[in-house]
Amino acid sequence: MEQKLIALDLDGTTLNNAAMISPKTQAVIRAARQAGHVVSIVTGRPNRLSAGIYDQLQLDGPMINFNGSLGHVPRQHWAGEYQYTFDKSVAFDLLAHRQELGINMIAAEGKDLFLAVKDHPVELGFFPSVLQSNQILNQKSLTQDPTSLTIAVDRAHQAQLLSYLQHHFGDQIDAAPWGGPNSVVELGAKGVQKATGVEVLADHYHIARKNIVAFGDEHNDAAMLDYAGWGVAMRNATDPIKHLANDVTPLDNDHDGLAAYLQDYLALAE
């Protein structure tokens, strides 16, 4: 079998519903790498929330974070490292208008950046419940352009916020609501998607597009699954992702769906 580049989304895909990697998933990914295939994390998560998973899987190549906006090798210099950002004035504008837009929290992030402001309690799991004094987002503290803005907004105001962002900053950023129960909108540099990072990985490893296998479950995986030679949706994926994909795993993410599919697809030994 030709060498494959296996691009893995994390939440809802590689991770189970407890946000953990099962022993079977670890074993299959290890076997895939031992068979000569390349395994890479391609996630919407910031690097601060995926480095531990990278280590647990014992990966050593580039990782893609922020839905394609950051490509890097954790704790190492990589000549191919990149980061897409957008102007910090977007954050300043939203800070000034957060009350009228129903914004409860804004977090500005990058590879070495985390600042946030919370006007109301927000429990998302991805952000500290208590911010340190050096983590408060304001016009003085944000001195660099962010890679990502994550905005928790009242559900009733989400459509208004999306319209506002499109009208004022549509030429600079893409705004995507999260799936699931939380009313959250994430901003990234215009035109940058997970497929952006996968293309960088394929060039780095000299792997043809037809040999890219990508797994995902949510709307932010769409471009990656479409770009890959073989896009696989999880059984628990949204219907649009299932319709886009080349195949769907028989099992969901809470029952080792990725591991079972990969083991069969790559003909790995039990």
C-alpha atoms as a PDB file:
ATOM      1  CA  MET A   1       0.000   0.000   0.000  1.00  0.00           C
ATOM      2  CA  GLU A   2       1.243   3.490  -0.835  1.00  0.00           C
ATOM      3  CA  GLN A   3       2.103   5.760   2.068  1.00  0.00           C
ATOM      4  CA  LYS A   4      -0.954   7.618   3.362  1.00  0.00           C
ATOM      5  CA  LEU A   5      -1.274  10.944   5.131  1.00  0.00           C
ATOM      6  CA  ILE A   6      -3.951  10.447   7.774  1.00  0.00           C
ATOM      7  CA  ALA A   7      -5.449  13.748   8.953  1.00  0.00           C
ATOM      8  CA  LEU A   8      -7.333  13.493  12.226  1.00  0.00           C
ATOM      9  CA  ASP A   9      -9.882  15.870  13.678  1.00  0.00           C
ATOM     10  CA  LEU A  10      -9.969  15.535  17.471  1.00  0.00           C
ATOM     11  CA  ASP A  11     -13.307  16.305  19.128  1.00  0.00           C
ATOM     12  CA  GLY A  12     -16.050  13.943  18.043  1.00  0.00           C
ATOM     13  CA  THR A  13     -13.575  11.963  15.941  1.00  0.00           C
ATOM     14  CA  THR A  14     -10.307  10.811  17.521  1.00  0.00           C
ATOM     15  CA  LEU A  15     -11.571  11.584  21.028  1.00  0.00           C
ATOM     16  CA  ASN A  16     -14.506   9.815  22.660  1.00  0.00           C
ATOM     17  CA  ASN A  17     -17.364  11.636  24.326  1.00  0.00           C
ATOM     18  CA  ALA A  18     -15.264  12.057  27.478  1.00  0.00           C
ATOM     19  CA  ALA A  19     -12.649  13.865  25.347  1.00  0.00           C
ATOM     20  CA  MET A  20     -10.231  10.966  25.859  1.00  0.00           C
ATOM     21  CA  ILE A  21      -8.220   8.729  23.530  1.00  0.00           C
ATOM     22  CA  SER A  22      -9.090   5.075  23.988  1.00  0.00           C
ATOM     23  CA  PRO A  23      -6.350   2.424  24.277  1.00  0.00           C
ATOM     24  CA  LYS A  24      -7.529   0.913  20.968  1.00  0.00           C
ATOM     25  CA  THR A  25      -7.237   4.252  19.187  1.00  0.00           C
ATOM     26  CA  GLN A  26      -3.716   4.721  20.549  1.00  0.00           C
ATOM     27  CA  ALA A  27      -2.734   1.212  19.459  1.00  0.00           C
ATOM     28  CA  VAL A  28      -4.121   1.566  15.929  1.00  0.00           C
ATOM     29  CA  ILE A  29      -2.488   4.958  15.362  1.00  0.00           C
ATOM     30  CA  ARG A  30       0.814   3.536  16.594  1.00  0.00           C
ATOM     31  CA  ALA A  31       0.414   0.569  14.213  1.00  0.00           C
ATOM     32  CA  ALA A  32      -0.396   2.884  11.299  1.00  0.00           C
ATOM     33  CA  ARG A  33       2.790   4.861  11.899  1.00  0.00           C
ATOM     34  CA  GLN A  34       4.845   1.672  12.267  1.00  0.00           C
ATOM     35  CA  ALA A  35       3.459   0.589   8.889  1.00  0.00           C
ATOM     36  CA  GLY A  36       4.989   3.741   7.367  1.00  0.00           C
ATOM     37  CA  HIS A  37       1.968   6.020   7.221  1.00  0.00           C
ATOM     38  CA  VAL A  38       1.957   9.637   8.437  1.00  0.00           C
ATOM     39  CA  VAL A  39      -0.560  10.583  11.124  1.00  0.00           C
ATOM     40  CA  SER A  40      -1.244  14.266  11.802  1.00  0.00           C
ATOM     41  CA  ILE A  41      -3.668  16.121  14.070  1.00  0.00           C
ATOM     42  CA  VAL A  42      -5.737  18.739  12.213  1.00  0.00           C
ATOM     43  CA  THR A  43      -7.983  20.426  14.751  1.00  0.00           C
ATOM     44  CA  GLY A  44      -9.912  23.558  15.529  1.00  0.00           C
ATOM     45  CA  ARG A  45      -8.444  23.466  19.015  1.00  0.00           C
ATOM     46  CA  PRO A  46      -5.689  25.882  19.996  1.00  0.00           C
ATOM     47  CA  ASN A  47      -2.253  24.360  20.440  1.00  0.00           C
ATOM     48  CA  ARG A  48      -2.516  24.810  24.213  1.00  0.00           C
ATOM     49  CA  LEU A  49      -5.386  22.279  24.235  1.00  0.00           C
ATOM     50  CA  SER A  50      -3.966  19.700  21.840  1.00  0.00           C
ATOM     51  CA  ALA A  51      -0.276  19.379  22.764  1.00  0.00           C
ATOM     52  CA  GLY A  52      -1.110  16.805  25.441  1.00  0.00           C
ATOM     53  CA  ILE A  53      -2.990  14.665  22.912  1.00  0.00           C
ATOM     54  CA  TYR A  54      -0.094  15.008  20.464  1.00  0.00           C
ATOM     55  CA  ASP A  55       2.234  13.705  23.178  1.00  0.00           C
ATOM     56  CA  GLN A  56      -0.118  10.903  24.165  1.00  0.00           C
ATOM     57  CA  LEU A  57      -0.177   9.679  20.560  1.00  0.00           C
ATOM     58  CA  GLN A  58       3.646   9.976  20.469  1.00  0.00           C
ATOM     59  CA  LEU A  59       3.569  12.062  17.302  1.00  0.00           C
ATOM     60  CA  ASP A  60       6.669  13.900  16.140  1.00  0.00           C
ATOM     61  CA  GLY A  61       5.653  15.769  12.985  1.00  0.00           C
ATOM     62  CA  PRO A  62       3.741  18.996  12.356  1.00  0.00           C
ATOM     63  CA  MET A  63       0.336  19.618  13.931  1.00  0.00           C
ATOM     64  CA  ILE A  64      -2.367  21.903  12.540  1.00  0.00           C
ATOM     65  CA  ASN A  65      -4.379  24.069  14.959  1.00  0.00           C
ATOM     66  CA  PHE A  66      -7.046  26.782  14.791  1.00  0.00           C
ATOM     67  CA  ASN A  67      -8.786  25.149  11.792  1.00  0.00           C
ATOM     68  CA  GLY A  68      -5.748  25.471   9.547  1.00  0.00           C
ATOM     69  CA  SER A  69      -4.421  28.832  10.729  1.00  0.00           C
ATOM     70  CA  LEU A  70      -1.391  27.463  12.616  1.00  0.00           C
ATOM     71  CA  GLY A  71       1.028  24.777  11.486  1.00  0.00           C
ATOM     72  CA  HIS A  72       3.916  23.916  13.805  1.00  0.00           C
ATOM     73  CA  VAL A  73       5.873  21.179  15.542  1.00  0.00           C
ATOM     74  CA  PRO A  74       5.239  21.467  19.291  1.00  0.00           C
ATOM     75  CA  ARG A  75       8.271  22.630  21.270  1.00  0.00           C
ATOM     76  CA  GLN A  76      10.533  22.426  18.229  1.00  0.00           C
ATOM     77  CA  HIS A  77      11.711  24.664  15.424  1.00  0.00           C
ATOM     78  CA  TRP A  78      10.173  23.736  12.072  1.00  0.00           C
ATOM     79  CA  ALA A  79      11.207  25.577   8.931  1.00  0.00           C
ATOM     80  CA  GLY A  80       7.699  25.175   7.532  1.00  0.00           C
ATOM     81  CA  GLU A  81       5.919  26.740  10.504  1.00  0.00           C
ATOM     82  CA  TYR A  82       3.213  29.255   9.587  1.00  0.00           C
ATOM     83  CA  GLN A  83       0.485  31.263  11.284  1.00  0.00           C
ATOM     84  CA  TYR A  84      -2.363  33.214   9.697  1.00  0.00           C
ATOM     85  CA  THR A  85      -3.627  36.215  11.644  1.00  0.00           C
ATOM     86  CA  PHE A  86      -6.040  39.100  11.160  1.00  0.00           C
ATOM     87  CA  ASP A  87      -5.952  42.682  12.358  1.00  0.00           C
ATOM     88  CA  LYS A  88      -6.381  43.186  16.096  1.00  0.00           C
ATOM     89  CA  SER A  89      -8.726  46.096  15.344  1.00  0.00           C
ATOM     90  CA  VAL A  90     -11.464  43.471  14.870  1.00  0.00           C
ATOM     91  CA  ALA A  91     -11.080  42.492  18.522  1.00  0.00           C
ATOM     92  CA  PHE A  92     -11.044  46.112  19.646  1.00  0.00           C
ATOM     93  CA  ASP A  93     -14.256  46.836  17.746  1.00  0.00           C
ATOM     94  CA  LEU A  94     -16.031  43.847  19.276  1.00  0.00           C
ATOM     95  CA  LEU A  95     -14.820  44.834  22.732  1.00  0.00           C
ATOM     96  CA  ALA A  96     -16.361  48.271  22.253  1.00  0.00           C
ATOM     97  CA  HIS A  97     -19.689  46.881  21.005  1.00  0.00           C
ATOM     98  CA  ARG A  98     -19.998  43.726  23.067  1.00  0.00           C
ATOM     99  CA  GLN A  99     -22.982  44.855  25.119  1.00  0.00           C
ATOM    100  CA  GLU A 100     -25.169  45.765  22.147  1.00  0.00           C
ATOM    101  CA  LEU A 101     -24.119  42.564  20.327  1.00  0.00           C
ATOM    102  CA  GLY A 102     -24.968  40.326  23.285  1.00  0.00           C
ATOM    103  CA  ILE A 103     -21.380  39.129  23.712  1.00  0.00           C
ATOM    104  CA  ASN A 104     -20.614  37.395  27.016  1.00  0.00           C
ATOM    105  CA  MET A 105     -16.987  36.481  26.367  1.00  0.00           C
ATOM    106  CA  ILE A 106     -14.226  37.144  23.843  1.00  0.00           C
ATOM    107  CA  ALA A 107     -10.983  35.164  23.755  1.00  0.00           C
ATOM    108  CA  ALA A 108      -8.091  36.187  21.506  1.00  0.00           C
ATOM    109  CA  GLU A 109      -5.606  33.429  20.782  1.00  0.00           C
ATOM    110  CA  GLY A 110      -2.519  32.531  18.785  1.00  0.00           C
ATOM    111  CA  LYS A 111       0.410  30.161  19.135  1.00  0.00           C
ATOM    112  CA  ASP A 112       1.769  32.120  22.096  1.00  0.00           C
ATOM    113  CA  LEU A 113      -1.303  34.227  22.862  1.00  0.00           C
ATOM    114  CA  PHE A 114      -4.241  33.828  25.200  1.00  0.00           C
ATOM    115  CA  LEU A 115      -6.276  36.802  26.400  1.00  0.00           C
ATOM    116  CA  ALA A 116      -9.949  36.916  27.303  1.00  0.00           C
ATOM    117  CA  VAL A 117     -12.681  39.046  28.799  1.00  0.00           C
ATOM    118  CA  LYS A 118     -15.896  37.742  30.371  1.00  0.00           C
ATOM    119  CA  ASP A 119     -18.827  40.010  31.157  1.00  0.00           C
ATOM    120  CA  HIS A 120     -20.963  37.081  32.335  1.00  0.00           C
ATOM    121  CA  PRO A 121     -20.102  33.586  33.589  1.00  0.00           C
ATOM    122  CA  VAL A 122     -19.347  31.298  30.644  1.00  0.00           C
ATOM    123  CA  GLU A 123     -18.546  27.614  31.110  1.00  0.00           C
ATOM    124  CA  LEU A 124     -17.237  26.165  27.870  1.00  0.00           C
ATOM    125  CA  GLY A 125     -14.502  23.872  29.152  1.00  0.00           C
ATOM    126  CA  PHE A 126     -12.028  25.302  26.658  1.00  0.00           C
ATOM    127  CA  PHE A 127     -11.245  28.401  28.723  1.00  0.00           C
ATOM    128  CA  PRO A 128     -10.094  29.026  32.304  1.00  0.00           C
ATOM    129  CA  SER A 129     -12.980  29.633  34.690  1.00  0.00           C
ATOM    130  CA  VAL A 130     -10.855  32.294  36.410  1.00  0.00           C
ATOM    131  CA  LEU A 131      -8.629  34.588  34.380  1.00  0.00           C
ATOM    132  CA  GLN A 132      -5.253  35.691  35.696  1.00  0.00           C
ATOM    133  CA  SER A 133      -4.441  39.406  35.674  1.00  0.00           C
ATOM    134  CA  ASN A 134      -2.089  38.905  32.717  1.00  0.00           C
ATOM    135  CA  GLN A 135      -4.821  37.147  30.738  1.00  0.00           C
ATOM    136  CA  ILE A 136      -7.330  40.014  30.578  1.00  0.00           C
ATOM    137  CA  LEU A 137      -8.131  41.147  27.053  1.00  0.00           C
ATOM    138  CA  ASN A 138      -8.120  44.896  26.438  1.00  0.00           C
ATOM    139  CA  GLN A 139      -6.602  47.453  24.084  1.00  0.00           C
ATOM    140  CA  LYS A 140      -3.376  47.589  26.073  1.00  0.00           C
ATOM    141  CA  SER A 141      -2.823  43.861  26.531  1.00  0.00           C
ATOM    142  CA  LEU A 142      -3.525  42.799  22.927  1.00  0.00           C
ATOM    143  CA  THR A 143      -0.359  43.935  21.183  1.00  0.00           C
ATOM    144  CA  GLN A 144      -0.282  41.365  18.354  1.00  0.00           C
ATOM    145  CA  ASP A 145      -2.748  40.313  15.685  1.00  0.00           C
ATOM    146  CA  PRO A 146      -4.717  37.233  16.786  1.00  0.00           C
ATOM    147  CA  THR A 147      -5.013  33.942  14.954  1.00  0.00           C
ATOM    148  CA  SER A 148      -8.454  33.294  16.402  1.00  0.00           C
ATOM    149  CA  LEU A 149     -11.244  35.085  18.234  1.00  0.00           C
ATOM    150  CA  THR A 150     -13.752  32.925  20.087  1.00  0.00           C
ATOM    151  CA  ILE A 151     -16.956  34.712  21.028  1.00  0.00           C
ATOM    152  CA  ALA A 152     -19.652  33.441  23.387  1.00  0.00           C
ATOM    153  CA  VAL A 153     -22.858  35.260  22.500  1.00  0.00           C
ATOM    154  CA  ASP A 154     -26.466  35.145  23.662  1.00  0.00           C
ATOM    155  CA  ARG A 155     -28.306  32.711  21.389  1.00  0.00           C
ATOM    156  CA  ALA A 156     -30.860  35.388  20.535  1.00  0.00           C
ATOM    157  CA  HIS A 157     -28.063  37.693  19.327  1.00  0.00           C
ATOM    158  CA  GLN A 158     -26.046  35.188  17.282  1.00  0.00           C
ATOM    159  CA  ALA A 159     -27.635  36.056  13.926  1.00  0.00           C
ATOM    160  CA  GLN A 160     -27.161  39.765  14.642  1.00  0.00           C
ATOM    161  CA  LEU A 161     -23.486  39.189  15.470  1.00  0.00           C
ATOM    162  CA  LEU A 162     -22.896  37.186  12.292  1.00  0.00           C
ATOM    163  CA  SER A 163     -24.538  39.920  10.208  1.00  0.00           C
ATOM    164  CA  TYR A 164     -22.443  42.593  11.948  1.00  0.00           C
ATOM    165  CA  LEU A 165     -19.226  40.678  11.327  1.00  0.00           C
ATOM    166  CA  GLN A 166     -20.032  40.109   7.671  1.00  0.00           C
ATOM    167  CA  HIS A 167     -20.912  43.751   7.106  1.00  0.00           C
ATOM    168  CA  HIS A 168     -17.899  45.252   8.880  1.00  0.00           C
ATOM    169  CA  PHE A 169     -15.165  42.635   8.511  1.00  0.00           C
ATOM    170  CA  GLY A 170     -16.286  40.211   5.817  1.00  0.00           C
ATOM    171  CA  ASP A 171     -13.216  40.949   3.716  1.00  0.00           C
ATOM    172  CA  GLN A 172     -10.845  40.090   6.599  1.00  0.00           C
ATOM    173  CA  ILE A 173     -12.317  37.175   8.513  1.00  0.00           C
ATOM    174  CA  ASP A 174     -14.510  34.107   8.266  1.00  0.00           C
ATOM    175  CA  ALA A 175     -17.006  33.649  11.102  1.00  0.00           C
ATOM    176  CA  ALA A 176     -18.256  30.165  11.932  1.00  0.00           C
ATOM    177  CA  PRO A 177     -20.764  29.205  14.658  1.00  0.00           C
ATOM    178  CA  TRP A 178     -19.834  26.117  16.646  1.00  0.00           C
ATOM    179  CA  GLY A 179     -21.963  23.005  16.450  1.00  0.00           C
ATOM    180  CA  GLY A 180     -23.458  21.656  19.651  1.00  0.00           C
ATOM    181  CA  PRO A 181     -25.325  23.346  22.485  1.00  0.00           C
ATOM    182  CA  ASN A 182     -23.088  26.390  23.034  1.00  0.00           C
ATOM    183  CA  SER A 183     -23.796  29.669  21.243  1.00  0.00           C
ATOM    184  CA  VAL A 184     -20.229  30.378  20.161  1.00  0.00           C
ATOM    185  CA  VAL A 185     -18.831  32.033  17.027  1.00  0.00           C
ATOM    186  CA  GLU A 186     -15.213  31.549  16.029  1.00  0.00           C
ATOM    187  CA  LEU A 187     -13.305  33.972  13.810  1.00  0.00           C
ATOM    188  CA  GLY A 188     -10.302  33.153  11.652  1.00  0.00           C
ATOM    189  CA  ALA A 189      -8.410  34.718   8.773  1.00  0.00           C
ATOM    190  CA  LYS A 190     -10.413  34.926   5.548  1.00  0.00           C
ATOM    191  CA  GLY A 191     -10.227  31.824   3.370  1.00  0.00           C
ATOM    192  CA  VAL A 192      -8.157  29.705   5.764  1.00  0.00           C
ATOM    193  CA  GLN A 193      -9.590  26.264   6.524  1.00  0.00           C
ATOM    194  CA  LYS A 194      -8.387  22.864   7.692  1.00  0.00           C
ATOM    195  CA  ALA A 195      -7.668  22.015   4.051  1.00  0.00           C
ATOM    196  CA  THR A 196      -5.063  24.808   4.105  1.00  0.00           C
ATOM    197  CA  GLY A 197      -3.098  22.915   6.736  1.00  0.00           C
ATOM    198  CA  VAL A 198      -3.568  19.523   5.103  1.00  0.00           C
ATOM    199  CA  GLU A 199      -2.129  20.868   1.857  1.00  0.00           C
ATOM    200  CA  VAL A 200       0.933  22.120   3.773  1.00  0.00           C
ATOM    201  CA  LEU A 201       1.346  18.685   5.368  1.00  0.00           C
ATOM    202  CA  ALA A 202       1.011  16.894   2.027  1.00  0.00           C
ATOM    203  CA  ASP A 203       3.667  19.140   0.482  1.00  0.00           C
ATOM    204  CA  HIS A 204       5.956  18.645   3.482  1.00  0.00           C
ATOM    205  CA  TYR A 205       5.724  14.844   3.300  1.00  0.00           C
ATOM    206  CA  HIS A 206       5.552  14.699  -0.527  1.00  0.00           C
ATOM    207  CA  ILE A 207       2.300  12.751  -0.399  1.00  0.00           C
ATOM    208  CA  ALA A 208      -0.108  13.014  -3.331  1.00  0.00           C
ATOM    209  CA  ARG A 209      -3.603  14.298  -2.684  1.00  0.00           C
ATOM    210  CA  LYS A 210      -5.091  10.918  -3.660  1.00  0.00           C
ATOM    211  CA  ASN A 211      -3.220   9.374  -0.708  1.00  0.00           C
ATOM    212  CA  ILE A 212      -4.680  11.732   1.907  1.00  0.00           C
ATOM    213  CA  VAL A 213      -7.228  10.136   4.250  1.00  0.00           C
ATOM    214  CA  ALA A 214      -9.125  12.585   6.473  1.00  0.00           C
ATOM    215  CA  PHE A 215     -11.569  11.946   9.313  1.00  0.00           C
ATOM    216  CA  GLY A 216     -14.075  14.449  10.719  1.00  0.00           C
ATOM    217  CA  ASP A 217     -17.543  15.025  12.103  1.00  0.00           C
ATOM    218  CA  GLU A 218     -18.465  18.727  11.989  1.00  0.00           C
ATOM    219  CA  HIS A 219     -18.851  21.658   9.580  1.00  0.00           C
ATOM    220  CA  ASN A 220     -15.274  22.829  10.123  1.00  0.00           C
ATOM    221  CA  ASP A 221     -14.085  19.508   8.681  1.00  0.00           C
ATOM    222  CA  ALA A 222     -15.911  19.980   5.372  1.00  0.00           C
ATOM    223  CA  ALA A 223     -13.088  21.551   3.360  1.00  0.00           C
ATOM    224  CA  MET A 224     -10.593  18.985   4.671  1.00  0.00           C
ATOM    225  CA  LEU A 225     -12.778  16.001   3.795  1.00  0.00           C
ATOM    226  CA  ASP A 226     -13.486  17.477   0.380  1.00  0.00           C
ATOM    227  CA  TYR A 227      -9.782  18.118  -0.269  1.00  0.00           C
ATOM    228  CA  ALA A 228      -8.641  14.651   0.817  1.00  0.00           C
ATOM    229  CA  GLY A 229      -8.435  11.810  -1.623  1.00  0.00           C
ATOM    230  CA  TRP A 230     -10.577   9.821   0.807  1.00  0.00           C
ATOM    231  CA  GLY A 231     -12.752  11.747   3.243  1.00  0.00           C
ATOM    232  CA  VAL A 232     -14.355   9.765   6.060  1.00  0.00           C
ATOM    233  CA  ALA A 233     -17.217  11.024   8.220  1.00  0.00           C
ATOM    234  CA  MET A 234     -17.814   9.595  11.655  1.00  0.00           C
ATOM    235  CA  ARG A 235     -21.072   7.783  12.314  1.00  0.00           C
ATOM    236  CA  ASN A 236     -21.864  10.610  14.761  1.00  0.00           C
ATOM    237  CA  ALA A 237     -21.117  13.306  12.151  1.00  0.00           C
ATOM    238  CA  THR A 238     -23.639  15.882  11.014  1.00  0.00           C
ATOM    239  CA  ASP A 239     -25.719  14.943   7.968  1.00  0.00           C
ATOM    240  CA  PRO A 240     -24.032  17.485   5.642  1.00  0.00           C
ATOM    241  CA  ILE A 241     -20.615  16.018   6.515  1.00  0.00           C
ATOM    242  CA  LYS A 242     -21.859  12.477   5.892  1.00  0.00           C
ATOM    243  CA  HIS A 243     -23.218  13.512   2.492  1.00  0.00           C
ATOM    244  CA  LEU A 244     -19.915  15.149   1.574  1.00  0.00           C
ATOM    245  CA  ALA A 245     -17.681  12.275   2.658  1.00  0.00           C
ATOM    246  CA  ASN A 246     -16.564   9.286   0.588  1.00  0.00           C
ATOM    247  CA  ASP A 247     -17.484   6.948   3.427  1.00  0.00           C
ATOM    248  CA  VAL A 248     -18.923   6.833   6.943  1.00  0.00           C
ATOM    249  CA  THR A 249     -17.525   4.806   9.827  1.00  0.00           C
ATOM    250  CA  PRO A 250     -19.848   1.986  10.992  1.00  0.00           C
ATOM    251  CA  LEU A 251     -19.112   2.903  14.629  1.00  0.00           C
ATOM    252  CA  ASP A 252     -19.225   6.298  16.338  1.00  0.00           C
ATOM    253  CA  ASN A 253     -16.460   8.120  18.198  1.00  0.00           C
ATOM    254  CA  ASP A 254     -17.540   6.627  21.534  1.00  0.00           C
ATOM    255  CA  HIS A 255     -17.073   3.077  20.227  1.00  0.00           C
ATOM    256  CA  ASP A 256     -13.635   3.328  18.578  1.00  0.00           C
ATOM    257  CA  GLY A 257     -15.135   4.176  15.208  1.00  0.00           C
ATOM    258  CA  LEU A 258     -11.984   5.805  13.854  1.00  0.00           C
ATOM    259  CA  ALA A 259      -9.695   3.035  15.100  1.00  0.00           C
ATOM    260  CA  ALA A 260     -11.859   0.236  13.711  1.00  0.00           C
ATOM    261  CA  TYR A 261     -12.169   1.937  10.322  1.00  0.00           C
ATOM    262  CA  LEU A 262      -8.464   2.741  10.073  1.00  0.00           C
ATOM    263  CA  GLN A 263      -7.453  -0.746  11.078  1.00  0.00           C
ATOM    264  CA  ASP A 264      -9.591  -2.206   8.296  1.00  0.00           C
ATOM    265  CA  TYR A 265      -8.714   0.446   5.676  1.00  0.00           C
ATOM    266  CA  LEU A 266      -4.966   0.068   6.191  1.00  0.00           C
ATOM    267  CA  ALA A 267      -5.161  -3.711   6.695  1.00  0.00           C
ATOM    268  CA  LEU A 268      -3.363  -3.457  10.029  1.00  0.00           C
ATOM    269  CA  ALA A 269      -2.851  -6.554  12.137  1.00  0.00           C
ATOM    270  CA  GLU A 270      -5.106  -7.043  15.153  1.00  0.00           C
END
